[in-house]
């Protein structure tokens, strides 16, 4: 991704009793998100948590999804009208409440 783009990170915290269906997320949820956000979505990555700084410790996040847009406004215009449908799909793959961060790509 290039400098100046907007990155939206959706992080799913790990914890007691938290679950995450990575197969559903990558095969179904992301297809839905891609269709709804359309050409405003310039790229995306998915990460699955492996651990933390201490060897053998659990990851602080079960998974992370990262989406890239030309601007915050482009993200808002694409996500806003589709937020209810996108967020409504979360119970189909996780019981973890996502943490969302919007950032500017600087390198």
N, C-alpha and C. Protein backbone atom coordinates (compact mmCIF):
# COMPACT_ATOMS: atom_id res chain seq x y z
N UNK A 1 0.83 -1.17 0.00
CA UNK A 1 0.00 0.00 0.00
C UNK A 1 0.88 1.24 0.00
N UNK A 2 0.35 2.31 -0.51
CA UNK A 2 1.19 3.49 -0.67
C UNK A 2 0.95 4.55 0.41
N UNK A 3 1.96 5.38 0.59
CA UNK A 3 1.93 6.46 1.58
C UNK A 3 0.70 7.33 1.36
N UNK A 4 0.05 7.69 2.48
CA UNK A 4 -1.12 8.56 2.45
C UNK A 4 -2.45 7.84 2.41
N UNK A 5 -2.43 6.54 2.15
CA UNK A 5 -3.68 5.79 2.14
C UNK A 5 -4.23 5.66 3.55
N UNK A 6 -5.50 5.34 3.66
CA UNK A 6 -6.14 5.09 4.94
C UNK A 6 -6.24 3.58 5.14
N UNK A 7 -5.77 3.14 6.31
CA UNK A 7 -5.83 1.72 6.68
C UNK A 7 -6.84 1.57 7.81
N UNK A 8 -7.78 0.66 7.64
CA UNK A 8 -8.75 0.36 8.69
C UNK A 8 -8.43 -1.04 9.20
N UNK A 9 -8.00 -1.11 10.46
CA UNK A 9 -7.66 -2.39 11.08
C UNK A 9 -8.81 -2.82 11.99
N UNK A 10 -9.25 -4.04 11.80
CA UNK A 10 -10.30 -4.63 12.63
C UNK A 10 -9.66 -5.79 13.37
N UNK A 11 -9.49 -5.61 14.69
CA UNK A 11 -8.77 -6.58 15.50
C UNK A 11 -9.73 -7.28 16.46
N UNK A 12 -9.64 -8.60 16.52
CA UNK A 12 -10.56 -9.40 17.32
C UNK A 12 -9.82 -9.93 18.56
N UNK A 13 -10.05 -9.31 19.74
CA UNK A 13 -9.32 -9.68 20.95
C UNK A 13 -9.54 -11.14 21.36
N UNK A 14 -8.45 -11.73 21.85
CA UNK A 14 -8.48 -13.07 22.41
C UNK A 14 -8.89 -12.97 23.87
N UNK A 15 -9.33 -14.05 24.45
CA UNK A 15 -9.68 -14.08 25.86
C UNK A 15 -10.46 -15.33 26.19
N UNK A 16 -10.74 -15.49 27.44
CA UNK A 16 -11.49 -16.65 27.94
C UNK A 16 -12.79 -16.84 27.17
N UNK A 17 -12.94 -17.99 26.54
CA UNK A 17 -14.17 -18.32 25.83
C UNK A 17 -14.36 -17.65 24.48
N UNK A 18 -13.36 -16.88 24.03
CA UNK A 18 -13.48 -16.21 22.73
C UNK A 18 -13.23 -17.20 21.59
N UNK A 19 -14.04 -17.10 20.54
CA UNK A 19 -13.91 -17.99 19.39
C UNK A 19 -13.83 -17.17 18.11
N UNK A 20 -13.23 -17.77 17.09
CA UNK A 20 -13.11 -17.11 15.79
C UNK A 20 -13.00 -18.18 14.72
N UNK A 21 -13.92 -18.15 13.74
CA UNK A 21 -13.93 -19.11 12.64
C UNK A 21 -13.22 -18.47 11.45
N UNK A 22 -11.92 -18.75 11.33
CA UNK A 22 -11.10 -18.15 10.28
C UNK A 22 -11.56 -18.56 8.89
N UNK A 23 -12.04 -19.79 8.74
CA UNK A 23 -12.52 -20.25 7.44
C UNK A 23 -13.73 -19.44 6.98
N UNK A 24 -14.70 -19.24 7.86
CA UNK A 24 -15.88 -18.43 7.51
C UNK A 24 -15.46 -17.00 7.20
N UNK A 25 -14.57 -16.46 8.03
CA UNK A 25 -14.12 -15.08 7.85
C UNK A 25 -13.49 -14.87 6.48
N UNK A 26 -12.58 -15.78 6.10
CA UNK A 26 -11.87 -15.60 4.83
C UNK A 26 -12.70 -15.99 3.61
N UNK A 27 -13.59 -16.95 3.76
CA UNK A 27 -14.33 -17.41 2.58
C UNK A 27 -15.69 -16.75 2.39
N UNK A 28 -16.31 -16.29 3.47
CA UNK A 28 -17.67 -15.75 3.37
C UNK A 28 -17.74 -14.27 3.76
N UNK A 29 -17.24 -13.93 4.95
CA UNK A 29 -17.36 -12.55 5.43
C UNK A 29 -16.60 -11.59 4.53
N UNK A 30 -15.39 -11.93 4.17
CA UNK A 30 -14.60 -11.01 3.35
C UNK A 30 -15.17 -10.84 1.95
N UNK A 31 -15.80 -11.87 1.43
CA UNK A 31 -16.48 -11.75 0.14
C UNK A 31 -17.63 -10.76 0.25
N UNK A 32 -18.40 -10.86 1.33
CA UNK A 32 -19.50 -9.94 1.57
C UNK A 32 -18.98 -8.50 1.68
N UNK A 33 -17.95 -8.30 2.48
CA UNK A 33 -17.37 -6.97 2.67
C UNK A 33 -16.87 -6.41 1.34
N UNK A 34 -16.18 -7.23 0.58
CA UNK A 34 -15.67 -6.78 -0.72
C UNK A 34 -16.77 -6.36 -1.67
N UNK A 35 -17.85 -7.13 -1.70
CA UNK A 35 -18.98 -6.79 -2.57
C UNK A 35 -19.64 -5.48 -2.12
N UNK A 36 -19.80 -5.30 -0.82
CA UNK A 36 -20.49 -4.12 -0.31
C UNK A 36 -19.64 -2.85 -0.44
N UNK A 37 -18.35 -2.96 -0.22
CA UNK A 37 -17.48 -1.77 -0.28
C UNK A 37 -17.05 -1.43 -1.70
N UNK A 38 -17.11 -2.40 -2.58
CA UNK A 38 -16.85 -2.16 -3.99
C UNK A 38 -15.48 -1.58 -4.28
N UNK A 39 -15.42 -0.70 -5.25
CA UNK A 39 -14.14 -0.17 -5.73
C UNK A 39 -13.47 0.77 -4.73
N UNK A 40 -14.17 1.18 -3.68
CA UNK A 40 -13.55 2.01 -2.65
C UNK A 40 -12.47 1.23 -1.90
N UNK A 41 -12.64 -0.09 -1.80
CA UNK A 41 -11.68 -0.96 -1.13
C UNK A 41 -10.52 -1.22 -2.09
N UNK A 42 -9.34 -0.74 -1.73
CA UNK A 42 -8.18 -0.84 -2.62
C UNK A 42 -7.31 -2.06 -2.35
N UNK A 43 -7.47 -2.68 -1.21
CA UNK A 43 -6.69 -3.86 -0.86
C UNK A 43 -7.05 -4.31 0.54
N UNK A 44 -6.65 -5.53 0.85
CA UNK A 44 -6.94 -6.07 2.19
C UNK A 44 -5.95 -7.17 2.53
N UNK A 45 -5.72 -7.34 3.83
CA UNK A 45 -4.92 -8.45 4.33
C UNK A 45 -5.63 -9.05 5.53
N UNK A 46 -5.32 -10.30 5.82
CA UNK A 46 -5.86 -10.99 6.99
C UNK A 46 -4.69 -11.62 7.73
N UNK A 47 -4.71 -11.50 9.05
CA UNK A 47 -3.68 -12.11 9.88
C UNK A 47 -4.34 -12.96 10.95
N UNK A 48 -3.75 -14.10 11.24
CA UNK A 48 -4.23 -14.98 12.29
C UNK A 48 -3.21 -14.98 13.42
N UNK A 49 -3.66 -14.69 14.65
CA UNK A 49 -2.75 -14.59 15.79
C UNK A 49 -2.09 -15.91 16.13
N UNK A 50 -0.77 -15.84 16.39
CA UNK A 50 0.00 -17.03 16.74
C UNK A 50 0.46 -17.02 18.20
N UNK A 51 0.80 -15.86 18.72
CA UNK A 51 1.32 -15.78 20.08
C UNK A 51 1.61 -14.35 20.44
N UNK A 52 2.26 -14.19 21.59
CA UNK A 52 2.63 -12.87 22.08
C UNK A 52 4.14 -12.83 22.26
N UNK A 53 4.64 -11.82 22.94
CA UNK A 53 6.09 -11.65 23.09
C UNK A 53 6.73 -12.80 23.87
N UNK A 54 6.06 -13.30 24.89
CA UNK A 54 6.59 -14.41 25.68
C UNK A 54 6.36 -15.73 24.94
N UNK A 55 7.40 -16.53 24.75
CA UNK A 55 7.23 -17.81 24.05
C UNK A 55 6.13 -18.66 24.67
N UNK A 56 5.27 -19.19 23.82
CA UNK A 56 4.19 -20.06 24.27
C UNK A 56 2.97 -19.34 24.81
N UNK A 57 3.00 -18.02 24.83
CA UNK A 57 1.84 -17.29 25.35
C UNK A 57 0.80 -17.10 24.24
N UNK A 58 -0.45 -16.97 24.62
CA UNK A 58 -1.51 -16.82 23.61
C UNK A 58 -1.44 -15.45 22.94
N UNK A 59 -1.93 -15.34 21.73
CA UNK A 59 -1.94 -14.05 21.04
C UNK A 59 -2.95 -13.10 21.68
N UNK A 60 -2.65 -11.80 21.71
CA UNK A 60 -3.63 -10.86 22.25
C UNK A 60 -4.85 -10.72 21.33
N UNK A 61 -4.68 -11.03 20.06
CA UNK A 61 -5.78 -10.96 19.10
C UNK A 61 -5.89 -12.29 18.37
N UNK A 62 -7.13 -12.78 18.22
CA UNK A 62 -7.37 -14.02 17.48
C UNK A 62 -7.06 -13.84 16.00
N UNK A 63 -7.44 -12.68 15.47
CA UNK A 63 -7.23 -12.37 14.06
C UNK A 63 -7.31 -10.87 13.87
N UNK A 64 -6.80 -10.42 12.72
CA UNK A 64 -6.89 -9.02 12.33
C UNK A 64 -7.18 -8.94 10.85
N UNK A 65 -8.09 -8.06 10.50
CA UNK A 65 -8.36 -7.75 9.10
C UNK A 65 -7.96 -6.31 8.84
N UNK A 66 -7.26 -6.08 7.75
CA UNK A 66 -6.82 -4.74 7.39
C UNK A 66 -7.36 -4.39 6.01
N UNK A 67 -7.98 -3.23 5.92
CA UNK A 67 -8.54 -2.77 4.65
C UNK A 67 -7.92 -1.42 4.31
N UNK A 68 -7.70 -1.19 3.02
CA UNK A 68 -7.04 0.03 2.56
C UNK A 68 -7.95 0.82 1.63
N UNK A 69 -7.97 2.14 1.87
CA UNK A 69 -8.81 3.06 1.10
C UNK A 69 -7.97 4.27 0.71
N UNK A 70 -8.43 5.02 -0.28
CA UNK A 70 -7.72 6.22 -0.68
C UNK A 70 -7.77 7.31 0.38
N UNK A 71 -8.83 7.34 1.19
CA UNK A 71 -8.99 8.38 2.20
C UNK A 71 -9.99 7.94 3.26
N UNK A 72 -10.03 8.69 4.36
CA UNK A 72 -11.03 8.44 5.40
C UNK A 72 -12.42 8.66 4.83
N UNK A 73 -12.56 9.69 4.01
CA UNK A 73 -13.87 9.97 3.40
C UNK A 73 -14.33 8.82 2.51
N UNK A 74 -13.41 8.24 1.74
CA UNK A 74 -13.75 7.11 0.87
C UNK A 74 -14.21 5.92 1.71
N UNK A 75 -13.52 5.68 2.83
CA UNK A 75 -13.94 4.60 3.73
C UNK A 75 -15.34 4.88 4.27
N UNK A 76 -15.56 6.08 4.78
CA UNK A 76 -16.85 6.43 5.36
C UNK A 76 -17.99 6.32 4.38
N UNK A 77 -17.76 6.77 3.15
CA UNK A 77 -18.80 6.72 2.12
C UNK A 77 -19.15 5.29 1.75
N UNK A 78 -18.17 4.39 1.77
CA UNK A 78 -18.41 2.99 1.41
C UNK A 78 -18.97 2.19 2.60
N UNK A 79 -18.41 2.42 3.78
CA UNK A 79 -18.80 1.62 4.95
C UNK A 79 -20.12 2.06 5.55
N UNK A 80 -20.33 3.37 5.68
CA UNK A 80 -21.51 3.90 6.35
C UNK A 80 -22.82 3.25 5.95
N UNK A 81 -23.15 3.24 4.65
CA UNK A 81 -24.43 2.67 4.24
C UNK A 81 -24.50 1.14 4.40
N UNK A 82 -23.34 0.50 4.62
CA UNK A 82 -23.30 -0.96 4.71
C UNK A 82 -22.93 -1.47 6.10
N UNK A 83 -22.74 -0.55 7.04
CA UNK A 83 -22.27 -0.92 8.37
C UNK A 83 -23.16 -1.96 9.05
N UNK A 84 -24.45 -1.76 8.98
CA UNK A 84 -25.37 -2.68 9.66
C UNK A 84 -25.25 -4.10 9.12
N UNK A 85 -25.16 -4.24 7.81
CA UNK A 85 -25.07 -5.57 7.21
C UNK A 85 -23.71 -6.21 7.52
N UNK A 86 -22.64 -5.43 7.44
CA UNK A 86 -21.31 -5.97 7.73
C UNK A 86 -21.20 -6.37 9.19
N UNK A 87 -21.58 -5.48 10.10
CA UNK A 87 -21.48 -5.79 11.52
C UNK A 87 -22.46 -6.89 11.93
N UNK A 88 -23.57 -6.99 11.24
CA UNK A 88 -24.55 -8.03 11.53
C UNK A 88 -24.06 -9.43 11.23
N UNK A 89 -23.02 -9.54 10.42
CA UNK A 89 -22.46 -10.85 10.08
C UNK A 89 -21.47 -11.35 11.12
N UNK A 90 -21.00 -10.49 12.02
CA UNK A 90 -19.99 -10.89 13.00
C UNK A 90 -20.36 -12.12 13.82
N UNK A 91 -21.59 -12.24 14.33
CA UNK A 91 -21.92 -13.44 15.13
C UNK A 91 -21.78 -14.76 14.36
N UNK A 92 -21.69 -14.69 13.04
CA UNK A 92 -21.51 -15.91 12.25
C UNK A 92 -20.09 -16.46 12.33
N UNK A 93 -19.12 -15.65 12.81
CA UNK A 93 -17.75 -16.16 12.88
C UNK A 93 -17.02 -15.86 14.19
N UNK A 94 -17.57 -15.01 15.05
CA UNK A 94 -16.85 -14.72 16.30
C UNK A 94 -17.80 -14.24 17.39
N UNK A 95 -17.34 -14.42 18.63
CA UNK A 95 -18.04 -13.84 19.77
C UNK A 95 -17.15 -12.77 20.43
N UNK A 96 -16.11 -12.38 19.73
CA UNK A 96 -15.18 -11.36 20.19
C UNK A 96 -15.60 -10.00 19.64
N UNK A 97 -15.68 -9.00 20.49
CA UNK A 97 -16.05 -7.64 20.08
C UNK A 97 -14.83 -6.98 19.43
N UNK A 98 -14.91 -6.63 18.15
CA UNK A 98 -13.73 -6.09 17.47
C UNK A 98 -13.32 -4.71 17.96
N UNK A 99 -12.01 -4.48 17.88
CA UNK A 99 -11.41 -3.18 18.14
C UNK A 99 -11.03 -2.64 16.77
N UNK A 100 -11.45 -1.42 16.47
CA UNK A 100 -11.20 -0.85 15.14
C UNK A 100 -10.29 0.37 15.27
N UNK A 101 -9.28 0.40 14.42
CA UNK A 101 -8.39 1.55 14.37
C UNK A 101 -8.28 2.02 12.93
N UNK A 102 -8.36 3.34 12.74
CA UNK A 102 -8.19 3.95 11.42
C UNK A 102 -6.86 4.68 11.46
N UNK A 103 -6.00 4.37 10.50
CA UNK A 103 -4.65 4.92 10.47
C UNK A 103 -4.30 5.47 9.09
N UNK A 104 -3.27 6.30 9.07
CA UNK A 104 -2.72 6.76 7.80
C UNK A 104 -1.44 5.99 7.53
N UNK A 105 -1.30 5.47 6.33
CA UNK A 105 -0.08 4.77 5.94
C UNK A 105 1.00 5.83 5.75
N UNK A 106 2.12 5.69 6.47
CA UNK A 106 3.19 6.68 6.38
C UNK A 106 4.43 6.17 5.66
N UNK A 107 4.50 4.90 5.40
CA UNK A 107 5.61 4.32 4.63
C UNK A 107 5.09 3.21 3.75
